[in-house]
Protein backbone atom coordinates (compact mmCIF):
# COMPACT_ATOMS: atom_id res chain seq x y z
CA MET A 1 92.80 83.09 89.04
CA LEU A 2 91.06 83.88 92.29
CA TYR A 3 93.79 82.06 94.18
CA ILE A 4 96.47 84.27 92.57
CA TYR A 5 94.62 87.44 93.58
CA THR A 6 93.98 86.28 97.14
CA SER A 7 97.65 85.35 97.54
CA MET A 8 98.42 89.04 96.88
CA ILE A 9 96.30 90.06 99.92
CA TYR A 10 98.19 90.12 103.17
CA ASP A 11 95.31 90.65 105.59
CA GLU A 12 93.40 87.41 106.06
CA ASP A 13 90.23 89.33 106.89
CA ASP A 14 90.29 91.00 103.44
CA LYS A 15 90.47 87.73 101.55
CA PRO A 16 86.77 86.76 101.90
CA LYS A 17 85.79 90.38 101.08
CA PHE A 18 87.83 90.22 97.87
CA GLU A 19 86.41 86.82 96.93
CA ARG A 20 82.89 88.20 97.25
CA LEU A 21 83.85 91.21 95.07
CA TYR A 22 85.48 88.92 92.53
CA ASN A 23 82.52 86.60 92.27
CA THR A 24 79.98 89.41 92.18
CA TYR A 25 81.64 91.85 89.73
CA ARG A 26 84.00 89.98 87.42
CA LYS A 27 81.39 89.54 84.68
CA THR A 28 80.33 93.21 84.84
CA MET A 29 83.97 94.25 84.73
CA PHE A 30 84.63 92.05 81.70
CA PHE A 31 81.54 93.42 79.93
CA LYS A 32 82.65 97.04 80.53
CA ALA A 33 86.25 96.37 79.43
CA ARG A 34 85.10 94.51 76.31
CA GLU A 35 82.69 97.38 75.53
CA ILE A 36 85.68 99.73 75.36
CA LEU A 37 88.38 97.52 73.92
CA LYS A 38 86.29 95.43 71.52
CA ASP A 39 88.41 92.34 72.16
CA ASP A 40 87.90 89.51 74.63
CA TYR A 41 91.60 88.91 75.34
CA LEU A 42 92.33 92.57 75.92
CA ALA A 43 89.24 92.82 78.13
CA GLU A 44 90.53 89.94 80.23
CA ASP A 45 93.85 91.78 80.65
CA ALA A 46 92.02 94.95 81.60
CA VAL A 47 89.97 93.08 84.23
CA HIS A 48 93.18 91.57 85.61
CA LEU A 49 94.80 94.98 85.96
CA ALA A 50 91.60 96.39 87.45
CA PHE A 51 91.56 93.62 90.07
CA ILE A 52 95.14 94.44 91.03
CA ASN A 53 94.15 98.07 91.40
CA ILE A 54 91.13 97.03 93.49
CA ILE A 55 93.39 94.92 95.76
CA ASN A 56 95.56 97.96 96.31
CA ASN A 57 92.46 99.96 97.31
CA LEU A 58 90.55 97.22 99.16
CA ASP A 59 90.47 99.20 102.36
CA LYS A 60 88.43 101.93 100.58
CA ILE A 61 85.70 99.60 99.45
CA ASP A 62 82.61 99.30 101.62
CA GLU A 63 80.64 96.15 100.78
CA LYS A 64 77.58 97.28 102.66
CA ASN A 65 76.66 99.81 99.94
CA CYS A 66 76.78 97.54 96.89
CA HIS A 67 75.75 100.32 94.48
CA LYS A 68 78.70 102.52 95.51
CA THR A 69 80.97 99.52 95.36
CA LYS A 70 79.75 98.63 91.88
CA GLY A 71 80.19 102.23 90.74
CA PHE A 72 83.74 102.31 92.07
CA ILE A 73 84.62 98.97 90.46
CA VAL A 74 83.15 99.98 87.12
CA ILE A 75 85.03 103.36 87.19
CA VAL A 76 88.35 101.56 87.93
CA THR A 77 87.72 99.03 85.15
CA GLU A 78 86.77 101.69 82.60
CA ASN A 79 89.84 103.78 83.38
CA VAL A 80 92.13 100.71 83.04
CA ALA A 81 90.48 99.83 79.75
CA ILE A 82 90.78 103.41 78.44
CA ASP A 83 94.45 103.50 79.38
CA MET A 84 94.99 100.21 77.50
CA TYR A 85 93.05 101.56 74.53
CA ARG A 86 95.30 104.62 74.40
CA LYS A 87 98.46 102.56 74.62
CA LEU A 88 97.30 100.30 71.81
CA LYS A 89 97.02 103.27 69.46
CA PRO A 90 100.67 104.27 69.06
CA GLY A 91 101.20 107.72 67.71
CA SER A 92 97.59 108.72 68.14
CA ASP A 93 96.69 111.43 70.55
CA ILE A 94 93.14 110.35 71.13
CA SER A 95 91.55 112.38 73.90
CA PHE A 96 89.61 111.11 76.84
CA ASP A 97 86.58 113.04 75.56
CA GLU A 98 86.63 111.15 72.28
CA ILE A 99 86.51 107.78 74.05
CA ASP A 100 83.68 109.09 76.26
CA TYR A 101 81.07 108.73 73.57
CA VAL A 102 81.61 104.96 73.52
CA ILE A 103 81.13 104.55 77.27
CA ARG A 104 78.66 107.25 78.19
CA ASP A 105 77.09 105.74 81.28
CA ILE A 106 78.58 104.10 84.33
CA SER A 107 75.69 101.73 84.95
CA PRO A 108 71.94 102.20 85.02
CA SER A 109 71.78 100.77 88.56
CA VAL A 110 73.86 103.63 89.96
CA GLU A 111 70.92 105.95 89.54
CA GLU A 112 68.61 103.63 91.42
CA ILE A 113 70.31 104.30 94.77
CA TYR A 114 69.16 107.95 94.96
CA GLU A 115 65.78 108.44 96.62
CA TYR A 116 65.29 112.16 96.32
CA GLU A 117 64.33 113.79 93.11
CA ASN A 118 67.00 116.59 93.12
CA GLU A 119 69.81 114.17 94.01
CA ASN A 120 68.68 111.85 91.26
CA LEU A 121 68.60 114.72 88.82
CA ILE A 122 72.09 115.86 89.80
CA ILE A 123 73.45 112.28 89.50
CA LYS A 124 71.83 112.02 86.04
CA ALA A 125 73.45 115.35 85.14
CA ILE A 126 76.88 114.16 86.41
CA LEU A 127 76.51 110.94 84.42
CA SER A 128 75.74 112.98 81.29
CA LEU A 129 79.10 114.72 81.53
CA PRO A 130 82.14 113.51 79.62
CA LYS A 131 83.65 110.42 81.32
CA ASN A 132 86.81 112.16 82.53
CA TYR A 133 84.64 114.56 84.60
CA SER A 134 81.87 112.22 85.64
CA SER A 135 84.10 109.44 86.96
CA ILE A 136 86.10 111.84 89.12
CA MET A 137 82.97 113.61 90.35
CA MET A 138 81.34 110.32 91.30
CA LEU A 139 84.47 109.20 93.19
CA LYS A 140 84.64 112.57 94.99
CA TYR A 141 81.02 113.33 95.78
CA SER A 142 79.30 109.95 95.76
CA HIS A 143 82.06 107.76 97.13
CA GLY A 144 83.70 110.37 99.40
CA TYR A 145 87.22 110.05 98.07
CA VAL A 146 89.77 112.84 98.60
CA ASP A 147 91.90 114.19 95.76
CA ASN A 148 94.99 112.16 96.51
CA GLU A 149 92.95 108.92 96.73
CA ILE A 150 91.33 109.67 93.38
CA ALA A 151 94.71 110.44 91.85
CA GLU A 152 96.14 107.19 93.12
CA THR A 153 93.10 105.14 92.03
CA LEU A 154 93.01 106.59 88.54
CA ASP A 155 96.79 106.90 88.20
CA ILE A 156 96.74 110.66 87.49
CA THR A 157 98.21 113.64 89.30
CA GLU A 158 96.37 115.46 92.08
CA SER A 159 96.50 118.69 90.10
CA ASN A 160 94.81 116.82 87.22
CA VAL A 161 92.07 115.67 89.63
CA ARG A 162 91.52 119.24 90.86
CA GLN A 163 91.43 120.60 87.31
CA ARG A 164 88.93 117.96 86.17
CA LEU A 165 86.77 118.61 89.22
CA SER A 166 86.77 122.31 88.52
CA ARG A 167 85.93 121.86 84.86
CA GLY A 168 83.38 119.19 85.74
CA ARG A 169 81.57 121.50 88.15
CA LYS A 170 81.40 124.21 85.45
CA LYS A 171 80.01 121.73 82.94
CA LEU A 172 77.56 120.44 85.54
CA GLU A 173 76.29 123.95 86.14
CA GLU A 174 75.81 124.38 82.38
CA VAL A 175 73.87 121.13 82.14
CA LEU A 176 71.69 121.96 85.13
CA LYS A 177 70.99 125.45 83.78
CA GLU A 178 70.06 123.85 80.48
CA TRP A 179 67.72 121.54 82.39
CA GLU A 180 66.47 124.55 84.39
CA VAL A 181 67.61 123.28 87.76
CA ASP A 182 68.97 125.56 90.47
CA TYR A 183 72.26 124.10 91.77
CA HIS A 184 75.01 125.75 93.78
CA GLY A 185 77.88 123.25 94.13
């Protein structure tokens, strides 16, 4: 399968980078997809689609910061799996928030990268938000993506990105007030 993916990459310099990503994260991606879809075959399909999405965004991935890379890859995989889950339920209007309770956290190791107590607390607060807000906020504030890159990566509109960011910030403020933390974001 790796050969098929690398044949889709035109820049020869990106092929070794993708191979390292593939070998490092494919099992994690499969685990996350299976956690959402509850089926091995569907999880494999989700991972395949996620890898195609990653190939299309390979220039945005910085291998030096493996925690950010892992967070990005997990977010892409989760969103692909959620989209598949929605499509498999014809006629149901299941909301993103309902799926959120199944996949509450991105990965415990994401929190380990933050050295300062306040940053760590804010990341924990972001990760406690519903998935549709936390994934966009992590892409925006932790990975440095701009709205159009987030929209392209998650296959949603830019206005949807801005709306989720706005709502996510409001929910984040509520969480931090609840935790008695002063935050002005």
